[in-house]
PDB file of N, CA and C in Angstrom:
ATOM      1  N   UNK A   1       1.321  11.333 -15.827  1.00  0.00           N
ATOM      2  CA  UNK A   1       1.862  12.219 -14.816  1.00  0.00           C
ATOM      3  C   UNK A   1       2.773  11.408 -13.881  1.00  0.00           C
ATOM      4  N   UNK A   2       3.956  11.906 -13.668  1.00  0.00           N
ATOM      5  CA  UNK A   2       4.889  11.238 -12.758  1.00  0.00           C
ATOM      6  C   UNK A   2       4.414  11.433 -11.320  1.00  0.00           C
ATOM      7  N   UNK A   3       4.684  10.428 -10.492  1.00  0.00           N
ATOM      8  CA  UNK A   3       4.344  10.542  -9.084  1.00  0.00           C
ATOM      9  C   UNK A   3       5.566  10.117  -8.274  1.00  0.00           C
ATOM     10  N   UNK A   4       5.627  10.534  -7.010  1.00  0.00           N
ATOM     11  CA  UNK A   4       6.777  10.162  -6.192  1.00  0.00           C
ATOM     12  C   UNK A   4       6.912   8.643  -6.075  1.00  0.00           C
ATOM     13  N   UNK A   5       8.134   8.190  -5.984  1.00  0.00           N
ATOM     14  CA  UNK A   5       8.405   6.760  -5.831  1.00  0.00           C
ATOM     15  C   UNK A   5       8.206   6.391  -4.366  1.00  0.00           C
ATOM     16  N   UNK A   6       7.018   5.888  -4.079  1.00  0.00           N
ATOM     17  CA  UNK A   6       6.665   5.512  -2.715  1.00  0.00           C
ATOM     18  C   UNK A   6       6.041   4.135  -2.729  1.00  0.00           C
ATOM     19  N   UNK A   7       6.189   3.440  -1.623  1.00  0.00           N
ATOM     20  CA  UNK A   7       5.678   2.070  -1.519  1.00  0.00           C
ATOM     21  C   UNK A   7       4.173   2.001  -1.721  1.00  0.00           C
ATOM     22  N   UNK A   8       3.433   2.962  -1.218  1.00  0.00           N
ATOM     23  CA  UNK A   8       1.985   2.946  -1.371  1.00  0.00           C
ATOM     24  C   UNK A   8       1.569   2.967  -2.828  1.00  0.00           C
ATOM     25  N   UNK A   9       2.227   3.805  -3.630  1.00  0.00           N
ATOM     26  CA  UNK A   9       1.926   3.861  -5.060  1.00  0.00           C
ATOM     27  C   UNK A   9       2.313   2.550  -5.726  1.00  0.00           C
ATOM     28  N   UNK A  10       3.448   1.996  -5.359  1.00  0.00           N
ATOM     29  CA  UNK A  10       3.885   0.723  -5.948  1.00  0.00           C
ATOM     30  C   UNK A  10       2.883  -0.386  -5.640  1.00  0.00           C
ATOM     31  N   UNK A  11       2.318  -0.382  -4.442  1.00  0.00           N
ATOM     32  CA  UNK A  11       1.326  -1.405  -4.094  1.00  0.00           C
ATOM     33  C   UNK A  11       0.048  -1.217  -4.916  1.00  0.00           C
ATOM     34  N   UNK A  12      -0.349   0.039  -5.148  1.00  0.00           N
ATOM     35  CA  UNK A  12      -1.530   0.270  -5.989  1.00  0.00           C
ATOM     36  C   UNK A  12      -1.242  -0.141  -7.431  1.00  0.00           C
ATOM     37  N   UNK A  13      -0.025   0.102  -7.931  1.00  0.00           N
ATOM     38  CA  UNK A  13       0.357  -0.361  -9.272  1.00  0.00           C
ATOM     39  C   UNK A  13       0.205  -1.884  -9.343  1.00  0.00           C
ATOM     40  N   UNK A  14       0.732  -2.575  -8.344  1.00  0.00           N
ATOM     41  CA  UNK A  14       0.701  -4.041  -8.329  1.00  0.00           C
ATOM     42  C   UNK A  14      -0.733  -4.567  -8.313  1.00  0.00           C
ATOM     43  N   UNK A  15      -1.624  -3.899  -7.593  1.00  0.00           N
ATOM     44  CA  UNK A  15      -3.019  -4.338  -7.546  1.00  0.00           C
ATOM     45  C   UNK A  15      -3.667  -4.253  -8.928  1.00  0.00           C
ATOM     46  N   UNK A  16      -3.384  -3.180  -9.677  1.00  0.00           N
ATOM     47  CA  UNK A  16      -3.941  -3.033 -11.026  1.00  0.00           C
ATOM     48  C   UNK A  16      -3.340  -4.084 -11.961  1.00  0.00           C
ATOM     49  N   UNK A  17      -2.052  -4.318 -11.855  1.00  0.00           N
ATOM     50  CA  UNK A  17      -1.403  -5.334 -12.690  1.00  0.00           C
ATOM     51  C   UNK A  17      -1.993  -6.711 -12.403  1.00  0.00           C
ATOM     52  N   UNK A  18      -2.141  -7.046 -11.126  1.00  0.00           N
ATOM     53  CA  UNK A  18      -2.710  -8.353 -10.770  1.00  0.00           C
ATOM     54  C   UNK A  18      -4.139  -8.477 -11.291  1.00  0.00           C
ATOM     55  N   UNK A  19      -4.920  -7.412 -11.187  1.00  0.00           N
ATOM     56  CA  UNK A  19      -6.296  -7.424 -11.701  1.00  0.00           C
ATOM     57  C   UNK A  19      -6.294  -7.668 -13.212  1.00  0.00           C
ATOM     58  N   UNK A  20      -5.375  -7.011 -13.935  1.00  0.00           N
ATOM     59  CA  UNK A  20      -5.313  -7.187 -15.381  1.00  0.00           C
ATOM     60  C   UNK A  20      -4.874  -8.593 -15.776  1.00  0.00           C
ATOM     61  N   UNK A  21      -3.918  -9.144 -15.078  1.00  0.00           N
ATOM     62  CA  UNK A  21      -3.469 -10.516 -15.372  1.00  0.00           C
ATOM     63  C   UNK A  21      -4.613 -11.500 -15.140  1.00  0.00           C
ATOM     64  N   UNK A  22      -5.296 -11.347 -13.998  1.00  0.00           N
ATOM     65  CA  UNK A  22      -6.423 -12.223 -13.690  1.00  0.00           C
ATOM     66  C   UNK A  22      -7.510 -12.099 -14.755  1.00  0.00           C
ATOM     67  N   UNK A  23      -7.779 -10.883 -15.189  1.00  0.00           N
ATOM     68  CA  UNK A  23      -8.790 -10.656 -16.215  1.00  0.00           C
ATOM     69  C   UNK A  23      -8.389 -11.318 -17.536  1.00  0.00           C
ATOM     70  N   UNK A  24      -7.146 -11.154 -17.951  1.00  0.00           N
ATOM     71  CA  UNK A  24      -6.679 -11.758 -19.208  1.00  0.00           C
ATOM     72  C   UNK A  24      -6.756 -13.277 -19.161  1.00  0.00           C
ATOM     73  N   UNK A  25      -6.382 -13.849 -18.020  1.00  0.00           N
ATOM     74  CA  UNK A  25      -6.458 -15.312 -17.868  1.00  0.00           C
ATOM     75  C   UNK A  25      -7.899 -15.778 -18.021  1.00  0.00           C
ATOM     76  N   UNK A  26      -8.837 -14.977 -17.520  1.00  0.00           N
ATOM     77  CA  UNK A  26     -10.250 -15.331 -17.596  1.00  0.00           C
ATOM     78  C   UNK A  26     -10.915 -14.927 -18.906  1.00  0.00           C
ATOM     79  N   UNK A  27     -10.143 -14.405 -19.849  1.00  0.00           N
ATOM     80  CA  UNK A  27     -10.694 -14.042 -21.149  1.00  0.00           C
ATOM     81  C   UNK A  27     -11.139 -12.599 -21.265  1.00  0.00           C
ATOM     82  N   UNK A  28     -10.879 -11.798 -20.272  1.00  0.00           N
ATOM     83  CA  UNK A  28     -11.258 -10.384 -20.331  1.00  0.00           C
ATOM     84  C   UNK A  28     -10.440  -9.624 -21.359  1.00  0.00           C
ATOM     85  N   UNK A  29     -11.000  -8.533 -21.859  1.00  0.00           N
ATOM     86  CA  UNK A  29     -10.298  -7.740 -22.873  1.00  0.00           C
ATOM     87  C   UNK A  29     -10.137  -6.285 -22.483  1.00  0.00           C
ATOM     88  N   UNK A  30     -10.854  -5.829 -21.460  1.00  0.00           N
ATOM     89  CA  UNK A  30     -10.769  -4.433 -21.030  1.00  0.00           C
ATOM     90  C   UNK A  30      -9.856  -4.316 -19.813  1.00  0.00           C
ATOM     91  N   UNK A  31      -8.657  -3.781 -19.995  1.00  0.00           N
ATOM     92  CA  UNK A  31      -7.759  -3.681 -18.844  1.00  0.00           C
ATOM     93  C   UNK A  31      -8.181  -2.575 -17.872  1.00  0.00           C
ATOM     94  N   UNK A  32      -7.920  -2.815 -16.608  1.00  0.00           N
ATOM     95  CA  UNK A  32      -8.110  -1.780 -15.595  1.00  0.00           C
ATOM     96  C   UNK A  32      -7.004  -0.752 -15.769  1.00  0.00           C
ATOM     97  N   UNK A  33      -7.276   0.479 -15.408  1.00  0.00           N
ATOM     98  CA  UNK A  33      -6.243   1.499 -15.516  1.00  0.00           C
ATOM     99  C   UNK A  33      -5.897   2.032 -14.129  1.00  0.00           C
ATOM    100  N   UNK A  34      -4.724   2.564 -14.035  1.00  0.00           N
ATOM    101  CA  UNK A  34      -4.226   3.099 -12.762  1.00  0.00           C
ATOM    102  C   UNK A  34      -4.439   4.597 -12.719  1.00  0.00           C
ATOM    103  N   UNK A  35      -4.964   5.076 -11.630  1.00  0.00           N
ATOM    104  CA  UNK A  35      -5.122   6.506 -11.402  1.00  0.00           C
ATOM    105  C   UNK A  35      -4.359   6.867 -10.130  1.00  0.00           C
ATOM    106  N   UNK A  36      -3.386   7.761 -10.223  1.00  0.00           N
ATOM    107  CA  UNK A  36      -2.655   8.145  -9.018  1.00  0.00           C
ATOM    108  C   UNK A  36      -3.593   8.702  -7.959  1.00  0.00           C
ATOM    109  N   UNK A  37      -3.336   8.323  -6.732  1.00  0.00           N
ATOM    110  CA  UNK A  37      -4.121   8.820  -5.618  1.00  0.00           C
ATOM    111  C   UNK A  37      -3.338   9.871  -4.859  1.00  0.00           C
ATOM    112  N   UNK A  38      -3.931  10.432  -3.844  1.00  0.00           N
ATOM    113  CA  UNK A  38      -3.205  11.416  -3.039  1.00  0.00           C
ATOM    114  C   UNK A  38      -2.054  10.742  -2.285  1.00  0.00           C
ATOM    115  N   UNK A  39      -0.962  11.435  -2.194  1.00  0.00           N
ATOM    116  CA  UNK A  39       0.234  10.886  -1.551  1.00  0.00           C
ATOM    117  C   UNK A  39       0.111  10.937  -0.029  1.00  0.00           C
ATOM    118  N   UNK A  40       0.612   9.906   0.591  1.00  0.00           N
ATOM    119  CA  UNK A  40       0.746   9.862   2.046  1.00  0.00           C
ATOM    120  C   UNK A  40       2.125   9.298   2.332  1.00  0.00           C
ATOM    121  N   UNK A  41       2.694   9.659   3.439  1.00  0.00           N
ATOM    122  CA  UNK A  41       4.025   9.192   3.794  1.00  0.00           C
ATOM    123  C   UNK A  41       3.984   8.657   5.214  1.00  0.00           C
ATOM    124  N   UNK A  42       4.288   7.371   5.369  1.00  0.00           N
ATOM    125  CA  UNK A  42       4.361   6.739   6.680  1.00  0.00           C
ATOM    126  C   UNK A  42       5.804   6.318   6.907  1.00  0.00           C
ATOM    127  N   UNK A  43       6.409   6.826   7.937  1.00  0.00           N
ATOM    128  CA  UNK A  43       7.797   6.515   8.230  1.00  0.00           C
ATOM    129  C   UNK A  43       7.896   5.910   9.627  1.00  0.00           C
ATOM    130  N   UNK A  44       7.866   4.570   9.715  1.00  0.00           N
ATOM    131  CA  UNK A  44       7.988   3.946  11.028  1.00  0.00           C
ATOM    132  C   UNK A  44       9.443   3.938  11.468  1.00  0.00           C
ATOM    133  N   UNK A  45       9.642   4.104  12.747  1.00  0.00           N
ATOM    134  CA  UNK A  45      10.974   3.990  13.339  1.00  0.00           C
ATOM    135  C   UNK A  45      10.853   3.000  14.484  1.00  0.00           C
ATOM    136  N   UNK A  46      10.935   1.721  14.138  1.00  0.00           N
ATOM    137  CA  UNK A  46      10.721   0.671  15.119  1.00  0.00           C
ATOM    138  C   UNK A  46       9.235   0.475  15.359  1.00  0.00           C
ATOM    139  N   UNK A  47       8.898  -0.398  16.304  1.00  0.00           N
ATOM    140  CA  UNK A  47       7.482  -0.714  16.515  1.00  0.00           C
ATOM    141  C   UNK A  47       6.691   0.387  17.230  1.00  0.00           C
ATOM    142  N   UNK A  48       7.360   1.391  17.791  1.00  0.00           N
ATOM    143  CA  UNK A  48       6.632   2.403  18.563  1.00  0.00           C
ATOM    144  C   UNK A  48       6.998   3.832  18.196  1.00  0.00           C
ATOM    145  N   UNK A  49       7.664   4.049  17.072  1.00  0.00           N
ATOM    146  CA  UNK A  49       8.073   5.399  16.717  1.00  0.00           C
ATOM    147  C   UNK A  49       7.748   5.728  15.277  1.00  0.00           C
ATOM    148  N   UNK A  50       8.004   6.969  14.882  1.00  0.00           N
ATOM    149  CA  UNK A  50       7.830   7.379  13.508  1.00  0.00           C
ATOM    150  C   UNK A  50       6.908   8.562  13.361  1.00  0.00           C
ATOM    151  N   UNK A  51       6.609   8.882  12.108  1.00  0.00           N
ATOM    152  CA  UNK A  51       5.722   9.996  11.795  1.00  0.00           C
ATOM    153  C   UNK A  51       4.989   9.697  10.497  1.00  0.00           C
ATOM    154  N   UNK A  52       3.823  10.322  10.339  1.00  0.00           N
ATOM    155  CA  UNK A  52       2.998  10.139   9.152  1.00  0.00           C
ATOM    156  C   UNK A  52       2.530  11.490   8.663  1.00  0.00           C
ATOM    157  N   UNK A  53       2.567  11.680   7.326  1.00  0.00           N
ATOM    158  CA  UNK A  53       1.934  12.835   6.707  1.00  0.00           C
ATOM    159  C   UNK A  53       0.834  12.313   5.800  1.00  0.00           C
ATOM    160  N   UNK A  54      -0.403  12.689   6.081  1.00  0.00           N
ATOM    161  CA  UNK A  54      -1.556  12.263   5.299  1.00  0.00           C
ATOM    162  C   UNK A  54      -1.842  13.268   4.191  1.00  0.00           C
ATOM    163  N   UNK A  55      -2.626  12.874   3.176  1.00  0.00           N
ATOM    164  CA  UNK A  55      -3.019  13.844   2.155  1.00  0.00           C
ATOM    165  C   UNK A  55      -3.636  15.076   2.806  1.00  0.00           C
ATOM    166  N   UNK A  56      -3.309  16.228   2.292  1.00  0.00           N
ATOM    167  CA  UNK A  56      -3.799  17.468   2.881  1.00  0.00           C
ATOM    168  C   UNK A  56      -2.862  18.044   3.926  1.00  0.00           C
ATOM    169  N   UNK A  57      -1.767  17.324   4.228  1.00  0.00           N
ATOM    170  CA  UNK A  57      -0.763  17.843   5.136  1.00  0.00           C
ATOM    171  C   UNK A  57      -0.957  17.511   6.598  1.00  0.00           C
ATOM    172  N   UNK A  58      -1.978  16.733   6.946  1.00  0.00           N
ATOM    173  CA  UNK A  58      -2.177  16.373   8.354  1.00  0.00           C
ATOM    174  C   UNK A  58      -1.020  15.492   8.812  1.00  0.00           C
ATOM    175  N   UNK A  59      -0.463  15.797   9.980  1.00  0.00           N
ATOM    176  CA  UNK A  59       0.655  15.041  10.539  1.00  0.00           C
ATOM    177  C   UNK A  59       0.182  14.195  11.713  1.00  0.00           C
ATOM    178  N   UNK A  60       0.704  12.977  11.770  1.00  0.00           N
ATOM    179  CA  UNK A  60       0.417  12.076  12.886  1.00  0.00           C
ATOM    180  C   UNK A  60       1.727  11.723  13.572  1.00  0.00           C
ATOM    181  N   UNK A  61       1.669  11.579  14.880  1.00  0.00           N
ATOM    182  CA  UNK A  61       2.857  11.262  15.657  1.00  0.00           C
ATOM    183  C   UNK A  61       3.153   9.771  15.718  1.00  0.00           C
ATOM    184  N   UNK A  62       4.085   9.403  16.575  1.00  0.00           N
ATOM    185  CA  UNK A  62       4.555   8.025  16.642  1.00  0.00           C
ATOM    186  C   UNK A  62       3.484   7.004  17.019  1.00  0.00           C
ATOM    187  N   UNK A  63       2.584   7.362  17.932  1.00  0.00           N
ATOM    188  CA  UNK A  63       1.584   6.390  18.365  1.00  0.00           C
ATOM    189  C   UNK A  63       0.673   5.990  17.202  1.00  0.00           C
ATOM    190  N   UNK A  64       0.129   6.963  16.472  1.00  0.00           N
ATOM    191  CA  UNK A  64      -0.756   6.666  15.342  1.00  0.00           C
ATOM    192  C   UNK A  64       0.014   6.008  14.203  1.00  0.00           C
ATOM    193  N   UNK A  65       1.262   6.436  13.963  1.00  0.00           N
ATOM    194  CA  UNK A  65       2.062   5.825  12.907  1.00  0.00           C
ATOM    195  C   UNK A  65       2.276   4.353  13.187  1.00  0.00           C
ATOM    196  N   UNK A  66       2.589   4.012  14.431  1.00  0.00           N
ATOM    197  CA  UNK A  66       2.808   2.601  14.756  1.00  0.00           C
ATOM    198  C   UNK A  66       1.521   1.801  14.633  1.00  0.00           C
ATOM    199  N   UNK A  67       0.368   2.444  14.872  1.00  0.00           N
ATOM    200  CA  UNK A  67      -0.911   1.755  14.668  1.00  0.00           C
ATOM    201  C   UNK A  67      -1.103   1.398  13.195  1.00  0.00           C
ATOM    202  N   UNK A  68      -0.723   2.301  12.299  1.00  0.00           N
ATOM    203  CA  UNK A  68      -0.893   2.078  10.867  1.00  0.00           C
ATOM    204  C   UNK A  68       0.126   1.098  10.298  1.00  0.00           C
ATOM    205  N   UNK A  69       1.375   1.228  10.712  1.00  0.00           N
ATOM    206  CA  UNK A  69       2.421   0.515   9.989  1.00  0.00           C
ATOM    207  C   UNK A  69       3.528  -0.051  10.857  1.00  0.00           C
ATOM    208  N   UNK A  70       3.958   0.669  11.847  1.00  0.00           N
ATOM    209  CA  UNK A  70       5.175   0.315  12.559  1.00  0.00           C
ATOM    210  C   UNK A  70       5.141  -0.990  13.328  1.00  0.00           C
ATOM    211  N   UNK A  71       3.977  -1.389  13.802  1.00  0.00           N
ATOM    212  CA  UNK A  71       3.908  -2.588  14.633  1.00  0.00           C
ATOM    213  C   UNK A  71       4.278  -3.849  13.855  1.00  0.00           C
ATOM    214  N   UNK A  72       3.824  -3.960  12.599  1.00  0.00           N
ATOM    215  CA  UNK A  72       4.126  -5.176  11.823  1.00  0.00           C
ATOM    216  C   UNK A  72       4.565  -4.883  10.385  1.00  0.00           C
ATOM    217  N   UNK A  73       4.834  -3.600  10.064  1.00  0.00           N
ATOM    218  CA  UNK A  73       5.248  -3.185   8.719  1.00  0.00           C
ATOM    219  C   UNK A  73       4.283  -3.681   7.642  1.00  0.00           C
ATOM    220  N   UNK A  74       3.003  -3.761   7.995  1.00  0.00           N
ATOM    221  CA  UNK A  74       1.922  -4.155   7.092  1.00  0.00           C
ATOM    222  C   UNK A  74       2.050  -5.583   6.568  1.00  0.00           C
ATOM    223  N   UNK A  75       2.715  -6.434   7.334  1.00  0.00           N
ATOM    224  CA  UNK A  75       2.893  -7.826   6.927  1.00  0.00           C
ATOM    225  C   UNK A  75       1.547  -8.499   6.693  1.00  0.00           C
ATOM    226  N   UNK A  76       0.571  -8.244   7.566  1.00  0.00           N
ATOM    227  CA  UNK A  76      -0.749  -8.868   7.401  1.00  0.00           C
ATOM    228  C   UNK A  76      -1.381  -8.485   6.063  1.00  0.00           C
ATOM    229  N   UNK A  77      -1.189  -7.244   5.626  1.00  0.00           N
ATOM    230  CA  UNK A  77      -1.731  -6.819   4.329  1.00  0.00           C
ATOM    231  C   UNK A  77      -1.115  -7.629   3.193  1.00  0.00           C
ATOM    232  N   UNK A  78       0.177  -7.900   3.260  1.00  0.00           N
ATOM    233  CA  UNK A  78       0.829  -8.675   2.205  1.00  0.00           C
ATOM    234  C   UNK A  78       0.364 -10.127   2.222  1.00  0.00           C
ATOM    235  N   UNK A  79       0.136 -10.684   3.395  1.00  0.00           N
ATOM    236  CA  UNK A  79      -0.401 -12.039   3.465  1.00  0.00           C
ATOM    237  C   UNK A  79      -1.751 -12.093   2.766  1.00  0.00           C
ATOM    238  N   UNK A  80      -2.594 -11.101   3.021  1.00  0.00           N
ATOM    239  CA  UNK A  80      -3.910 -11.047   2.376  1.00  0.00           C
ATOM    240  C   UNK A  80      -3.759 -10.864   0.863  1.00  0.00           C
ATOM    241  N   UNK A  81      -2.877  -9.966   0.439  1.00  0.00           N
ATOM    242  CA  UNK A  81      -2.672  -9.711  -0.987  1.00  0.00           C
ATOM    243  C   UNK A  81      -2.260 -10.971  -1.728  1.00  0.00           C
ATOM    244  N   UNK A  82      -1.391 -11.765  -1.113  1.00  0.00           N
ATOM    245  CA  UNK A  82      -0.884 -12.982  -1.778  1.00  0.00           C
ATOM    246  C   UNK A  82      -1.683 -14.228  -1.441  1.00  0.00           C
ATOM    247  N   UNK A  83      -2.819 -14.056  -0.736  1.00  0.00           N
ATOM    248  CA  UNK A  83      -3.681 -15.188  -0.447  1.00  0.00           C
ATOM    249  C   UNK A  83      -3.087 -16.198   0.510  1.00  0.00           C
ATOM    250  N   UNK A  84      -2.238 -15.748   1.415  1.00  0.00           N
ATOM    251  CA  UNK A  84      -1.607 -16.646   2.388  1.00  0.00           C
ATOM    252  C   UNK A  84      -2.410 -16.645   3.684  1.00  0.00           C
ATOM    253  N   UNK A  85      -2.285 -17.711   4.425  1.00  0.00           N
ATOM    254  CA  UNK A  85      -2.921 -17.774   5.736  1.00  0.00           C
ATOM    255  C   UNK A  85      -1.849 -17.972   6.781  1.00  0.00           C
ATOM    256  N   UNK A  86      -2.048 -17.393   7.928  1.00  0.00           N
ATOM    257  CA  UNK A  86      -1.033 -17.513   8.974  1.00  0.00           C
ATOM    258  C   UNK A  86       0.248 -16.832   8.540  1.00  0.00           C
ATOM    259  N   UNK A  87       1.272 -17.034   9.272  1.00  0.00           N
ATOM    260  CA  UNK A  87       2.575 -16.461   8.920  1.00  0.00           C
ATOM    261  C   UNK A  87       3.505 -17.582   8.502  1.00  0.00           C
ATOM    262  N   UNK A  88       3.125 -18.216   7.338  1.00  0.00           N
ATOM    263  CA  UNK A  88       3.857 -19.375   6.795  1.00  0.00           C
ATOM    264  C   UNK A  88       5.310 -19.058   6.560  1.00  0.00           C
TER     265      UNK A  88
END
């Protein structure tokens, strides 16, 4: 099933791919599979603006959007994903 081209889905794709690569390196034979999740849309407009639509149609304003994403564009999440410490 096709899904919208959104960053959240791409990040979930990458997590499954990384899990499969790690498994193959370790001798695993059963690949993990990807299951599309509910779509959400976070649109930051600077560090204090934007809007969010959550699954089910719930809308969040600029304050909550900046809490989720706008303040640092999820940089800390990428540091964790790539096993980095600090902001090297």
